[in-house]
Full PDB file with SEQRES, HELIX, SHEET, SSBOND, CRYST1, ORIGX, SCALE, CONECT and MASTER records, all heavy atoms in Angstrom:
SEQRES   1 A   41  ALA THR ILE PRO ASP ASP VAL GLU VAL ILE PHE ALA TYR          
SEQRES   2 A   41  GLU PRO VAL TRP ALA ILE GLY ALA SER GLU PRO ALA ASP          
SEQRES   3 A   41  ALA ASP HIS VAL VAL ASN VAL THR LYS GLU LEU ARG ARG          
SEQRES   4 A   41  MET ALA                                                      
HELIX    1 AA1 VAL A   16  ALA A   18  5                                   3    
HELIX    2 AA2 ALA A   27  MET A   40  1                                  14    
CRYST1    1.000    1.000    1.000  90.00  90.00  90.00 P 1           1          
ORIGX1      1.000000  0.000000  0.000000        0.00000                         
ORIGX2      0.000000  1.000000  0.000000        0.00000                         
ORIGX3      0.000000  0.000000  1.000000        0.00000                         
SCALE1      1.000000  0.000000  0.000000        0.00000                         
SCALE2      0.000000  1.000000  0.000000        0.00000                         
SCALE3      0.000000  0.000000  1.000000        0.00000                         
ATOM      1  N   ALA A   1       0.827  -1.221   0.027  1.00  0.00           N  
ATOM      2  CA  ALA A   1      -0.009   0.034   0.073  1.00  0.00           C  
ATOM      3  C   ALA A   1       0.845   1.169  -0.060  1.00  0.00           C  
ATOM      4  O   ALA A   1       0.366   2.355  -0.353  1.00  0.00           O  
ATOM      5  CB  ALA A   1      -0.823   0.021   1.237  1.00  0.00           C  
ATOM      6  N   THR A   2       2.138   1.043   0.267  1.00  0.00           N  
ATOM      7  CA  THR A   2       3.052   2.299   0.349  1.00  0.00           C  
ATOM      8  C   THR A   2       3.916   2.500  -0.800  1.00  0.00           C  
ATOM      9  O   THR A   2       4.285   3.731  -1.116  1.00  0.00           O  
ATOM     10  CB  THR A   2       3.909   2.205   1.762  1.00  0.00           C  
ATOM     11  OG1 THR A   2       3.057   1.836   2.872  1.00  0.00           O  
ATOM     12  CG2 THR A   2       4.652   3.436   2.066  1.00  0.00           C  
ATOM     13  N   ILE A   3       4.308   1.392  -1.433  1.00  0.00           N  
ATOM     14  CA  ILE A   3       5.244   1.565  -2.598  1.00  0.00           C  
ATOM     15  C   ILE A   3       4.449   1.625  -3.830  1.00  0.00           C  
ATOM     16  O   ILE A   3       3.335   1.217  -3.947  1.00  0.00           O  
ATOM     17  CB  ILE A   3       6.202   0.428  -2.566  1.00  0.00           C  
ATOM     18  CG1 ILE A   3       5.392  -0.882  -2.878  1.00  0.00           C  
ATOM     19  CG2 ILE A   3       6.995   0.262  -1.318  1.00  0.00           C  
ATOM     20  CD1 ILE A   3       6.371  -2.162  -3.130  1.00  0.00           C  
ATOM     21  N   PRO A   4       5.016   2.342  -4.897  1.00  0.00           N  
ATOM     22  CA  PRO A   4       4.293   2.495  -6.210  1.00  0.00           C  
ATOM     23  C   PRO A   4       4.092   1.090  -6.726  1.00  0.00           C  
ATOM     24  O   PRO A   4       4.871   0.152  -6.473  1.00  0.00           O  
ATOM     25  CB  PRO A   4       5.458   3.249  -7.025  1.00  0.00           C  
ATOM     26  CG  PRO A   4       6.121   4.131  -6.008  1.00  0.00           C  
ATOM     27  CD  PRO A   4       6.287   3.154  -4.853  1.00  0.00           C  
ATOM     28  N   ASP A   5       3.047   0.913  -7.461  1.00  0.00           N  
ATOM     29  CA  ASP A   5       2.708  -0.324  -8.038  1.00  0.00           C  
ATOM     30  C   ASP A   5       3.760  -0.962  -9.113  1.00  0.00           C  
ATOM     31  O   ASP A   5       3.807  -2.115  -9.293  1.00  0.00           O  
ATOM     32  CB  ASP A   5       1.273  -0.303  -8.761  1.00  0.00           C  
ATOM     33  CG  ASP A   5       0.707  -1.651  -9.245  1.00  0.00           C  
ATOM     34  OD1 ASP A   5       0.537  -2.457  -8.276  1.00  0.00           O  
ATOM     35  OD2 ASP A   5       0.550  -1.805 -10.397  1.00  0.00           O  
ATOM     36  N   ASP A   6       4.612  -0.128  -9.695  1.00  0.00           N  
ATOM     37  CA  ASP A   6       5.393  -0.607 -10.777  1.00  0.00           C  
ATOM     38  C   ASP A   6       6.810  -0.749 -10.291  1.00  0.00           C  
ATOM     39  O   ASP A   6       7.720  -0.882 -11.177  1.00  0.00           O  
ATOM     40  CB  ASP A   6       5.329   0.403 -11.953  1.00  0.00           C  
ATOM     41  CG  ASP A   6       5.685   1.884 -11.641  1.00  0.00           C  
ATOM     42  OD1 ASP A   6       5.838   2.095 -10.342  1.00  0.00           O  
ATOM     43  OD2 ASP A   6       5.797   2.659 -12.581  1.00  0.00           O  
ATOM     44  N   VAL A   7       7.281  -0.661  -9.050  1.00  0.00           N  
ATOM     45  CA  VAL A   7       8.553  -0.664  -8.654  1.00  0.00           C  
ATOM     46  C   VAL A   7       8.799  -2.079  -8.206  1.00  0.00           C  
ATOM     47  O   VAL A   7       7.816  -2.878  -7.951  1.00  0.00           O  
ATOM     48  CB  VAL A   7       8.954   0.252  -7.590  1.00  0.00           C  
ATOM     49  CG1 VAL A   7       8.720   1.632  -8.050  1.00  0.00           C  
ATOM     50  CG2 VAL A   7       8.276  -0.135  -6.215  1.00  0.00           C  
ATOM     51  N   GLU A   8      10.108  -2.574  -8.227  1.00  0.00           N  
ATOM     52  CA  GLU A   8      10.418  -3.923  -7.704  1.00  0.00           C  
ATOM     53  C   GLU A   8      10.358  -3.925  -6.231  1.00  0.00           C  
ATOM     54  O   GLU A   8      10.737  -3.072  -5.518  1.00  0.00           O  
ATOM     55  CB  GLU A   8      11.739  -4.333  -8.225  1.00  0.00           C  
ATOM     56  CG  GLU A   8      12.122  -5.734  -7.743  1.00  0.00           C  
ATOM     57  CD  GLU A   8      13.370  -6.411  -8.292  1.00  0.00           C  
ATOM     58  OE1 GLU A   8      14.094  -5.602  -9.074  1.00  0.00           O  
ATOM     59  OE2 GLU A   8      13.753  -7.441  -8.014  1.00  0.00           O  
ATOM     60  N   VAL A   9      10.051  -4.957  -5.720  1.00  0.00           N  
ATOM     61  CA  VAL A   9       9.961  -5.252  -4.257  1.00  0.00           C  
ATOM     62  C   VAL A   9      10.400  -6.752  -3.965  1.00  0.00           C  
ATOM     63  O   VAL A   9       9.983  -7.650  -4.797  1.00  0.00           O  
ATOM     64  CB  VAL A   9       8.746  -4.943  -3.499  1.00  0.00           C  
ATOM     65  CG1 VAL A   9       7.523  -5.782  -3.951  1.00  0.00           C  
ATOM     66  CG2 VAL A   9       8.796  -5.059  -1.979  1.00  0.00           C  
ATOM     67  N   ILE A  10      11.122  -6.973  -2.901  1.00  0.00           N  
ATOM     68  CA  ILE A  10      11.400  -8.373  -2.646  1.00  0.00           C  
ATOM     69  C   ILE A  10      10.995  -8.583  -1.131  1.00  0.00           C  
ATOM     70  O   ILE A  10      11.300  -7.781  -0.230  1.00  0.00           O  
ATOM     71  CB  ILE A  10      13.019  -8.628  -2.653  1.00  0.00           C  
ATOM     72  CG1 ILE A  10      13.510  -8.241  -4.028  1.00  0.00           C  
ATOM     73  CG2 ILE A  10      13.368  -9.997  -2.222  1.00  0.00           C  
ATOM     74  CD1 ILE A  10      15.083  -8.311  -4.097  1.00  0.00           C  
ATOM     75  N   PHE A  11      10.231  -9.813  -1.019  1.00  0.00           N  
ATOM     76  CA  PHE A  11       9.876 -10.120   0.375  1.00  0.00           C  
ATOM     77  C   PHE A  11      10.708 -11.354   0.778  1.00  0.00           C  
ATOM     78  O   PHE A  11      10.730 -12.343   0.018  1.00  0.00           O  
ATOM     79  CB  PHE A  11       8.398 -10.566   0.325  1.00  0.00           C  
ATOM     80  CG  PHE A  11       7.423  -9.429   0.313  1.00  0.00           C  
ATOM     81  CD1 PHE A  11       6.852  -9.148  -0.948  1.00  0.00           C  
ATOM     82  CD2 PHE A  11       7.301  -8.469   1.294  1.00  0.00           C  
ATOM     83  CE1 PHE A  11       5.881  -7.996  -1.058  1.00  0.00           C  
ATOM     84  CE2 PHE A  11       6.448  -7.415   1.252  1.00  0.00           C  
ATOM     85  CZ  PHE A  11       5.726  -7.132   0.052  1.00  0.00           C  
ATOM     86  N   ALA A  12      11.381 -11.259   1.909  1.00  0.00           N  
ATOM     87  CA  ALA A  12      12.182 -12.374   2.407  1.00  0.00           C  
ATOM     88  C   ALA A  12      11.298 -13.031   3.483  1.00  0.00           C  
ATOM     89  O   ALA A  12      11.103 -12.509   4.548  1.00  0.00           O  
ATOM     90  CB  ALA A  12      13.486 -11.910   3.080  1.00  0.00           C  
ATOM     91  N   TYR A  13      10.829 -14.179   3.142  1.00  0.00           N  
ATOM     92  CA  TYR A  13      10.088 -14.934   4.187  1.00  0.00           C  
ATOM     93  C   TYR A  13      10.908 -15.703   5.117  1.00  0.00           C  
ATOM     94  O   TYR A  13      11.663 -16.625   4.706  1.00  0.00           O  
ATOM     95  CB  TYR A  13       9.083 -15.956   3.404  1.00  0.00           C  
ATOM     96  CG  TYR A  13       8.321 -16.832   4.362  1.00  0.00           C  
ATOM     97  CD1 TYR A  13       7.549 -16.323   5.351  1.00  0.00           C  
ATOM     98  CD2 TYR A  13       8.447 -18.295   4.277  1.00  0.00           C  
ATOM     99  CE1 TYR A  13       6.830 -17.171   6.217  1.00  0.00           C  
ATOM    100  CE2 TYR A  13       7.818 -19.055   5.176  1.00  0.00           C  
ATOM    101  CZ  TYR A  13       7.019 -18.575   6.154  1.00  0.00           C  
ATOM    102  OH  TYR A  13       6.366 -19.396   7.081  1.00  0.00           O  
ATOM    103  N   GLU A  14      10.997 -15.203   6.303  1.00  0.00           N  
ATOM    104  CA  GLU A  14      11.786 -15.826   7.276  1.00  0.00           C  
ATOM    105  C   GLU A  14      10.989 -16.142   8.509  1.00  0.00           C  
ATOM    106  O   GLU A  14      10.781 -15.319   9.381  1.00  0.00           O  
ATOM    107  CB  GLU A  14      12.886 -14.720   7.661  1.00  0.00           C  
ATOM    108  CG  GLU A  14      13.798 -14.477   6.592  1.00  0.00           C  
ATOM    109  CD  GLU A  14      14.926 -13.467   7.008  1.00  0.00           C  
ATOM    110  OE1 GLU A  14      14.737 -12.489   7.563  1.00  0.00           O  
ATOM    111  OE2 GLU A  14      16.185 -13.947   6.678  1.00  0.00           O  
ATOM    112  N   PRO A  15      10.434 -17.253   8.670  1.00  0.00           N  
ATOM    113  CA  PRO A  15       9.775 -17.679   9.918  1.00  0.00           C  
ATOM    114  C   PRO A  15      10.702 -17.363  11.087  1.00  0.00           C  
ATOM    115  O   PRO A  15      11.785 -17.716  11.089  1.00  0.00           O  
ATOM    116  CB  PRO A  15       9.497 -19.239   9.759  1.00  0.00           C  
ATOM    117  CG  PRO A  15       9.642 -19.396   8.294  1.00  0.00           C  
ATOM    118  CD  PRO A  15      10.626 -18.437   7.704  1.00  0.00           C  
ATOM    119  N   VAL A  16      10.270 -16.668  11.994  1.00  0.00           N  
ATOM    120  CA  VAL A  16      11.025 -16.141  13.151  1.00  0.00           C  
ATOM    121  C   VAL A  16      11.615 -17.289  13.898  1.00  0.00           C  
ATOM    122  O   VAL A  16      12.800 -17.454  14.342  1.00  0.00           O  
ATOM    123  CB  VAL A  16      10.240 -15.277  14.092  1.00  0.00           C  
ATOM    124  CG1 VAL A  16      11.169 -14.794  15.336  1.00  0.00           C  
ATOM    125  CG2 VAL A  16       9.805 -13.979  13.374  1.00  0.00           C  
ATOM    126  N   TRP A  17      10.809 -18.436  13.981  1.00  0.00           N  
ATOM    127  CA  TRP A  17      11.291 -19.606  14.811  1.00  0.00           C  
ATOM    128  C   TRP A  17      12.281 -20.302  13.972  1.00  0.00           C  
ATOM    129  O   TRP A  17      13.053 -21.256  14.668  1.00  0.00           O  
ATOM    130  CB  TRP A  17      10.067 -20.484  15.101  1.00  0.00           C  
ATOM    131  CG  TRP A  17       9.298 -20.801  13.844  1.00  0.00           C  
ATOM    132  CD1 TRP A  17       8.101 -20.024  13.476  1.00  0.00           C  
ATOM    133  CD2 TRP A  17       9.395 -21.855  12.876  1.00  0.00           C  
ATOM    134  NE1 TRP A  17       7.569 -20.648  12.393  1.00  0.00           N  
ATOM    135  CE2 TRP A  17       8.279 -21.641  12.088  1.00  0.00           C  
ATOM    136  CE3 TRP A  17      10.195 -22.840  12.762  1.00  0.00           C  
ATOM    137  CZ2 TRP A  17       8.076 -22.458  10.902  1.00  0.00           C  
ATOM    138  CZ3 TRP A  17      10.093 -23.769  11.740  1.00  0.00           C  
ATOM    139  CH2 TRP A  17       9.111 -23.540  10.779  1.00  0.00           C  
ATOM    140  N   ALA A  18      12.562 -20.113  12.779  1.00  0.00           N  
ATOM    141  CA  ALA A  18      13.566 -20.813  11.945  1.00  0.00           C  
ATOM    142  C   ALA A  18      14.969 -20.091  11.875  1.00  0.00           C  
ATOM    143  O   ALA A  18      15.885 -20.714  11.483  1.00  0.00           O  
ATOM    144  CB  ALA A  18      12.972 -21.109  10.521  1.00  0.00           C  
ATOM    145  N   ILE A  19      14.826 -18.782  12.315  1.00  0.00           N  
ATOM    146  CA  ILE A  19      16.122 -18.068  12.269  1.00  0.00           C  
ATOM    147  C   ILE A  19      17.137 -18.592  13.303  1.00  0.00           C  
ATOM    148  O   ILE A  19      16.863 -18.539  14.477  1.00  0.00           O  
ATOM    149  CB  ILE A  19      15.979 -16.522  12.492  1.00  0.00           C  
ATOM    150  CG1 ILE A  19      14.894 -16.105  11.340  1.00  0.00           C  
ATOM    151  CG2 ILE A  19      17.135 -15.854  12.491  1.00  0.00           C  
ATOM    152  CD1 ILE A  19      14.535 -14.576  11.522  1.00  0.00           C  
ATOM    153  N   GLY A  20      18.267 -19.023  12.818  1.00  0.00           N  
ATOM    154  CA  GLY A  20      19.273 -19.499  13.738  1.00  0.00           C  
ATOM    155  C   GLY A  20      18.954 -20.909  14.262  1.00  0.00           C  
ATOM    156  O   GLY A  20      19.790 -21.473  15.191  1.00  0.00           O  
ATOM    157  N   ALA A  21      17.990 -21.525  13.689  1.00  0.00           N  
ATOM    158  CA  ALA A  21      17.687 -22.995  14.089  1.00  0.00           C  
ATOM    159  C   ALA A  21      18.595 -24.009  13.368  1.00  0.00           C  
ATOM    160  O   ALA A  21      19.454 -23.548  12.446  1.00  0.00           O  
ATOM    161  CB  ALA A  21      16.275 -23.351  13.684  1.00  0.00           C  
ATOM    162  N   SER A  22      18.646 -25.165  13.863  1.00  0.00           N  
ATOM    163  CA  SER A  22      19.525 -26.183  13.245  1.00  0.00           C  
ATOM    164  C   SER A  22      19.147 -26.667  11.822  1.00  0.00           C  
ATOM    165  O   SER A  22      19.924 -27.026  11.004  1.00  0.00           O  
ATOM    166  CB  SER A  22      19.588 -27.453  14.160  1.00  0.00           C  
ATOM    167  OG  SER A  22      18.290 -27.903  14.357  1.00  0.00           O  
ATOM    168  N   GLU A  23      17.856 -26.484  11.587  1.00  0.00           N  
ATOM    169  CA  GLU A  23      17.322 -26.816  10.220  1.00  0.00           C  
ATOM    170  C   GLU A  23      16.356 -25.764   9.730  1.00  0.00           C  
ATOM    171  O   GLU A  23      15.676 -25.041  10.430  1.00  0.00           O  
ATOM    172  CB  GLU A  23      16.565 -28.094  10.274  1.00  0.00           C  
ATOM    173  CG  GLU A  23      17.245 -29.369  10.666  1.00  0.00           C  
ATOM    174  CD  GLU A  23      18.411 -29.767   9.550  1.00  0.00           C  
ATOM    175  OE1 GLU A  23      18.050 -29.464   8.421  1.00  0.00           O  
ATOM    176  OE2 GLU A  23      19.406 -30.498   9.983  1.00  0.00           O  
ATOM    177  N   PRO A  24      16.284 -25.580   8.374  1.00  0.00           N  
ATOM    178  CA  PRO A  24      15.263 -24.583   7.819  1.00  0.00           C  
ATOM    179  C   PRO A  24      13.879 -25.100   7.985  1.00  0.00           C  
ATOM    180  O   PRO A  24      13.599 -26.248   8.505  1.00  0.00           O  
ATOM    181  CB  PRO A  24      15.625 -24.591   6.313  1.00  0.00           C  
ATOM    182  CG  PRO A  24      16.281 -25.900   6.059  1.00  0.00           C  
ATOM    183  CD  PRO A  24      17.116 -26.227   7.283  1.00  0.00           C  
ATOM    184  N   ALA A  25      12.940 -24.257   7.811  1.00  0.00           N  
ATOM    185  CA  ALA A  25      11.552 -24.568   7.903  1.00  0.00           C  
ATOM    186  C   ALA A  25      11.124 -25.746   6.980  1.00  0.00           C  
ATOM    187  O   ALA A  25      11.810 -26.003   5.946  1.00  0.00           O  
ATOM    188  CB  ALA A  25      10.682 -23.504   7.647  1.00  0.00           C  
ATOM    189  N   ASP A  26      10.176 -26.571   7.285  1.00  0.00           N  
ATOM    190  CA  ASP A  26       9.713 -27.661   6.460  1.00  0.00           C  
ATOM    191  C   ASP A  26       9.462 -27.146   4.998  1.00  0.00           C  
ATOM    192  O   ASP A  26       8.738 -26.059   4.843  1.00  0.00           O  
ATOM    193  CB  ASP A  26       8.533 -28.412   7.009  1.00  0.00           C  
ATOM    194  CG  ASP A  26       8.074 -29.491   6.183  1.00  0.00           C  
ATOM    195  OD1 ASP A  26       8.659 -30.527   6.052  1.00  0.00           O  
ATOM    196  OD2 ASP A  26       6.899 -29.280   5.372  1.00  0.00           O  
ATOM    197  N   ALA A  27      10.000 -27.836   4.032  1.00  0.00           N  
ATOM    198  CA  ALA A  27       9.783 -27.321   2.607  1.00  0.00           C  
ATOM    199  C   ALA A  27       8.318 -27.163   2.165  1.00  0.00           C  
ATOM    200  O   ALA A  27       8.015 -26.229   1.602  1.00  0.00           O  
ATOM    201  CB  ALA A  27      10.515 -28.379   1.702  1.00  0.00           C  
ATOM    202  N   ASP A  28       7.467 -28.087   2.589  1.00  0.00           N  
ATOM    203  CA  ASP A  28       6.110 -27.994   2.278  1.00  0.00           C  
ATOM    204  C   ASP A  28       5.464 -26.749   2.766  1.00  0.00           C  
ATOM    205  O   ASP A  28       4.590 -26.090   2.287  1.00  0.00           O  
ATOM    206  CB  ASP A  28       5.253 -29.206   2.663  1.00  0.00           C  
ATOM    207  CG  ASP A  28       5.533 -30.507   1.760  1.00  0.00           C  
ATOM    208  OD1 ASP A  28       6.034 -30.284   0.724  1.00  0.00           O  
ATOM    209  OD2 ASP A  28       5.275 -31.558   2.298  1.00  0.00           O  
ATOM    210  N   HIS A  29       5.765 -26.471   4.074  1.00  0.00           N  
ATOM    211  CA  HIS A  29       5.268 -25.254   4.893  1.00  0.00           C  
ATOM    212  C   HIS A  29       5.733 -24.079   3.880  1.00  0.00           C  
ATOM    213  O   HIS A  29       5.018 -23.163   3.649  1.00  0.00           O  
ATOM    214  CB  HIS A  29       5.695 -25.202   6.180  1.00  0.00           C  
ATOM    215  CG  HIS A  29       5.399 -23.986   6.955  1.00  0.00           C  
ATOM    216  ND1 HIS A  29       4.224 -23.865   7.516  1.00  0.00           N  
ATOM    217  CD2 HIS A  29       6.193 -22.917   7.190  1.00  0.00           C  
ATOM    218  CE1 HIS A  29       4.220 -22.615   8.196  1.00  0.00           C  
ATOM    219  NE2 HIS A  29       5.320 -22.072   7.915  1.00  0.00           N  
ATOM    220  N   VAL A  30       7.079 -23.925   3.662  1.00  0.00           N  
ATOM    221  CA  VAL A  30       7.591 -22.770   2.917  1.00  0.00           C  
ATOM    222  C   VAL A  30       6.872 -22.649   1.604  1.00  0.00           C  
ATOM    223  O   VAL A  30       6.412 -21.458   1.243  1.00  0.00           O  
ATOM    224  CB  VAL A  30       8.987 -22.941   2.782  1.00  0.00           C  
ATOM    225  CG1 VAL A  30       9.632 -21.691   1.931  1.00  0.00           C  
ATOM    226  CG2 VAL A  30       9.820 -22.965   4.154  1.00  0.00           C  
ATOM    227  N   VAL A  31       6.683 -23.635   0.846  1.00  0.00           N  
ATOM    228  CA  VAL A  31       6.131 -23.525  -0.461  1.00  0.00           C  
ATOM    229  C   VAL A  31       4.667 -23.121  -0.342  1.00  0.00           C  
ATOM    230  O   VAL A  31       4.153 -22.221  -1.031  1.00  0.00           O  
ATOM    231  CB  VAL A  31       6.261 -24.919  -1.192  1.00  0.00           C  
ATOM    232  CG1 VAL A  31       5.309 -24.801  -2.534  1.00  0.00           C  
ATOM    233  CG2 VAL A  31       7.604 -25.163  -1.596  1.00  0.00           C  
ATOM    234  N   ASN A  32       3.895 -23.683   0.566  1.00  0.00           N  
ATOM    235  CA  ASN A  32       2.460 -23.351   0.681  1.00  0.00           C  
ATOM    236  C   ASN A  32       2.305 -21.876   1.205  1.00  0.00           C  
ATOM    237  O   ASN A  32       1.354 -21.230   0.648  1.00  0.00           O  
ATOM    238  CB  ASN A  32       1.747 -24.305   1.730  1.00  0.00           C  
ATOM    239  CG  ASN A  32       1.615 -25.628   1.159  1.00  0.00           C  
ATOM    240  OD1 ASN A  32       1.388 -25.811  -0.035  1.00  0.00           O  
ATOM    241  ND2 ASN A  32       1.668 -26.679   1.970  1.00  0.00           N  
ATOM    242  N   VAL A  33       3.182 -21.381   2.081  1.00  0.00           N  
ATOM    243  CA  VAL A  33       3.016 -20.043   2.556  1.00  0.00           C  
ATOM    244  C   VAL A  33       3.406 -19.036   1.495  1.00  0.00           C  
ATOM    245  O   VAL A  33       2.750 -18.122   1.199  1.00  0.00           O  
ATOM    246  CB  VAL A  33       3.874 -19.774   3.723  1.00  0.00           C  
ATOM    247  CG1 VAL A  33       3.829 -18.331   4.249  1.00  0.00           C  
ATOM    248  CG2 VAL A  33       3.355 -20.643   5.008  1.00  0.00           C  
ATOM    249  N   THR A  34       4.557 -19.251   0.741  1.00  0.00           N  
ATOM    250  CA  THR A  34       5.063 -18.369  -0.235  1.00  0.00           C  
ATOM    251  C   THR A  34       4.190 -18.329  -1.496  1.00  0.00           C  
ATOM    252  O   THR A  34       4.141 -17.223  -2.139  1.00  0.00           O  
ATOM    253  CB  THR A  34       6.587 -18.784  -0.574  1.00  0.00           C  
ATOM    254  OG1 THR A  34       6.604 -19.995  -0.897  1.00  0.00           O  
ATOM    255  CG2 THR A  34       7.413 -18.467   0.650  1.00  0.00           C  
ATOM    256  N   LYS A  35       3.624 -19.325  -1.792  1.00  0.00           N  
ATOM    257  CA  LYS A  35       2.680 -19.336  -3.044  1.00  0.00           C  
ATOM    258  C   LYS A  35       1.448 -18.429  -2.572  1.00  0.00           C  
ATOM    259  O   LYS A  35       1.098 -17.640  -3.492  1.00  0.00           O  
ATOM    260  CB  LYS A  35       2.131 -20.782  -3.257  1.00  0.00           C  
ATOM    261  CG  LYS A  35       3.101 -21.589  -4.153  1.00  0.00           C  
ATOM    262  CD  LYS A  35       2.475 -22.966  -4.456  1.00  0.00           C  
ATOM    263  CE  LYS A  35       3.363 -23.687  -5.416  1.00  0.00           C  
ATOM    264  NZ  LYS A  35       2.768 -24.999  -5.815  1.00  0.00           N  
ATOM    265  N   GLU A  36       0.975 -18.426  -1.466  1.00  0.00           N  
ATOM    266  CA  GLU A  36      -0.072 -17.475  -0.928  1.00  0.00           C  
ATOM    267  C   GLU A  36       0.392 -16.080  -0.910  1.00  0.00           C  
ATOM    268  O   GLU A  36      -0.316 -15.044  -1.369  1.00  0.00           O  
ATOM    269  CB  GLU A  36      -0.640 -17.942   0.273  1.00  0.00           C  
ATOM    270  CG  GLU A  36      -1.930 -17.112   0.704  1.00  0.00           C  
ATOM    271  CD  GLU A  36      -3.038 -17.165  -0.263  1.00  0.00           C  
ATOM    272  OE1 GLU A  36      -3.174 -18.324  -0.920  1.00  0.00           O  
ATOM    273  OE2 GLU A  36      -3.760 -16.205  -0.379  1.00  0.00           O  
ATOM    274  N   LEU A  37       1.615 -15.853  -0.453  1.00  0.00           N  
ATOM    275  CA  LEU A  37       2.302 -14.386  -0.410  1.00  0.00           C  
ATOM    276  C   LEU A  37       2.351 -14.013  -1.804  1.00  0.00           C  
ATOM    277  O   LEU A  37       2.088 -12.833  -2.079  1.00  0.00           O  
ATOM    278  CB  LEU A  37       3.611 -14.548   0.237  1.00  0.00           C  
ATOM    279  CG  LEU A  37       3.714 -15.026   1.738  1.00  0.00           C  
ATOM    280  CD1 LEU A  37       5.206 -15.094   2.184  1.00  0.00           C  
ATOM    281  CD2 LEU A  37       2.947 -14.124   2.629  1.00  0.00           C  
ATOM    282  N   ARG A  38       2.652 -14.778  -2.722  1.00  0.00           N  
ATOM    283  CA  ARG A  38       2.851 -14.362  -4.106  1.00  0.00           C  
ATOM    284  C   ARG A  38       1.383 -13.860  -4.686  1.00  0.00           C  
ATOM    285  O   ARG A  38       1.326 -12.895  -5.455  1.00  0.00           O  
ATOM    286  CB  ARG A  38       3.432 -15.421  -4.993  1.00  0.00           C  
ATOM    287  CG  ARG A  38       3.994 -14.800  -6.352  1.00  0.00           C  
ATOM    288  CD  ARG A  38       4.680 -15.898  -7.221  1.00  0.00           C  
ATOM    289  NE  ARG A  38       5.763 -16.504  -6.600  1.00  0.00           N  
ATOM    290  CZ  ARG A  38       7.136 -15.970  -6.496  1.00  0.00           C  
ATOM    291  NH1 ARG A  38       7.191 -14.743  -6.964  1.00  0.00           N  
ATOM    292  NH2 ARG A  38       7.964 -16.631  -5.925  1.00  0.00           N  
ATOM    293  N   ARG A  39       0.459 -14.619  -4.227  1.00  0.00           N  
ATOM    294  CA  ARG A  39      -0.891 -14.388  -4.714  1.00  0.00           C  
ATOM    295  C   ARG A  39      -1.381 -12.842  -4.193  1.00  0.00           C  
ATOM    296  O   ARG A  39      -2.000 -12.120  -4.946  1.00  0.00           O  
ATOM    297  CB  ARG A  39      -1.910 -15.223  -4.231  1.00  0.00           C  
ATOM    298  CG  ARG A  39      -1.877 -16.672  -4.947  1.00  0.00           C  
ATOM    299  CD  ARG A  39      -3.029 -17.556  -4.653  1.00  0.00           C  
ATOM    300  NE  ARG A  39      -2.799 -18.927  -5.095  1.00  0.00           N  
ATOM    301  CZ  ARG A  39      -2.395 -19.937  -4.444  1.00  0.00           C  
ATOM    302  NH1 ARG A  39      -2.109 -19.685  -3.078  1.00  0.00           N  
ATOM    303  NH2 ARG A  39      -2.150 -21.089  -4.960  1.00  0.00           N  
ATOM    304  N   MET A  40      -0.845 -12.523  -3.030  1.00  0.00           N  
ATOM    305  CA  MET A  40      -1.161 -11.168  -2.491  1.00  0.00           C  
ATOM    306  C   MET A  40      -0.681  -9.950  -3.461  1.00  0.00           C  
ATOM    307  O   MET A  40      -1.255  -8.968  -3.350  1.00  0.00           O  
ATOM    308  CB  MET A  40      -0.554 -11.076  -1.111  1.00  0.00           C  
ATOM    309  CG  MET A  40      -1.074 -12.062  -0.079  1.00  0.00           C  
ATOM    310  SD  MET A  40      -0.365 -11.799   1.577  1.00  0.00           S  
ATOM    311  CE  MET A  40      -0.774 -13.273   2.355  1.00  0.00           C  
ATOM    312  N   ALA A  41       0.362 -10.342  -4.216  1.00  0.00           N  
ATOM    313  CA  ALA A  41       0.961  -9.339  -4.966  1.00  0.00           C  
ATOM    314  C   ALA A  41       0.817  -9.617  -6.513  1.00  0.00           C  
ATOM    315  O   ALA A  41       1.479  -8.756  -7.426  1.00  0.00           O  
ATOM    316  CB  ALA A  41       2.646  -9.236  -4.719  1.00  0.00           C  
TER     317      ALA A  41                                                      
MASTER        0    0    0    2    0    0    0    6  316    1    0    4          
END                                                                             
């Protein structure tokens, strides 16, 4: 809502609980969440 519609933006999806963890978030979880994030834009 704040940036112009025609500029590039990058969203870094970082589940807070996965930052600094021994393993990344489950792949299915990441794909399902990020696909929906992409729909928002």
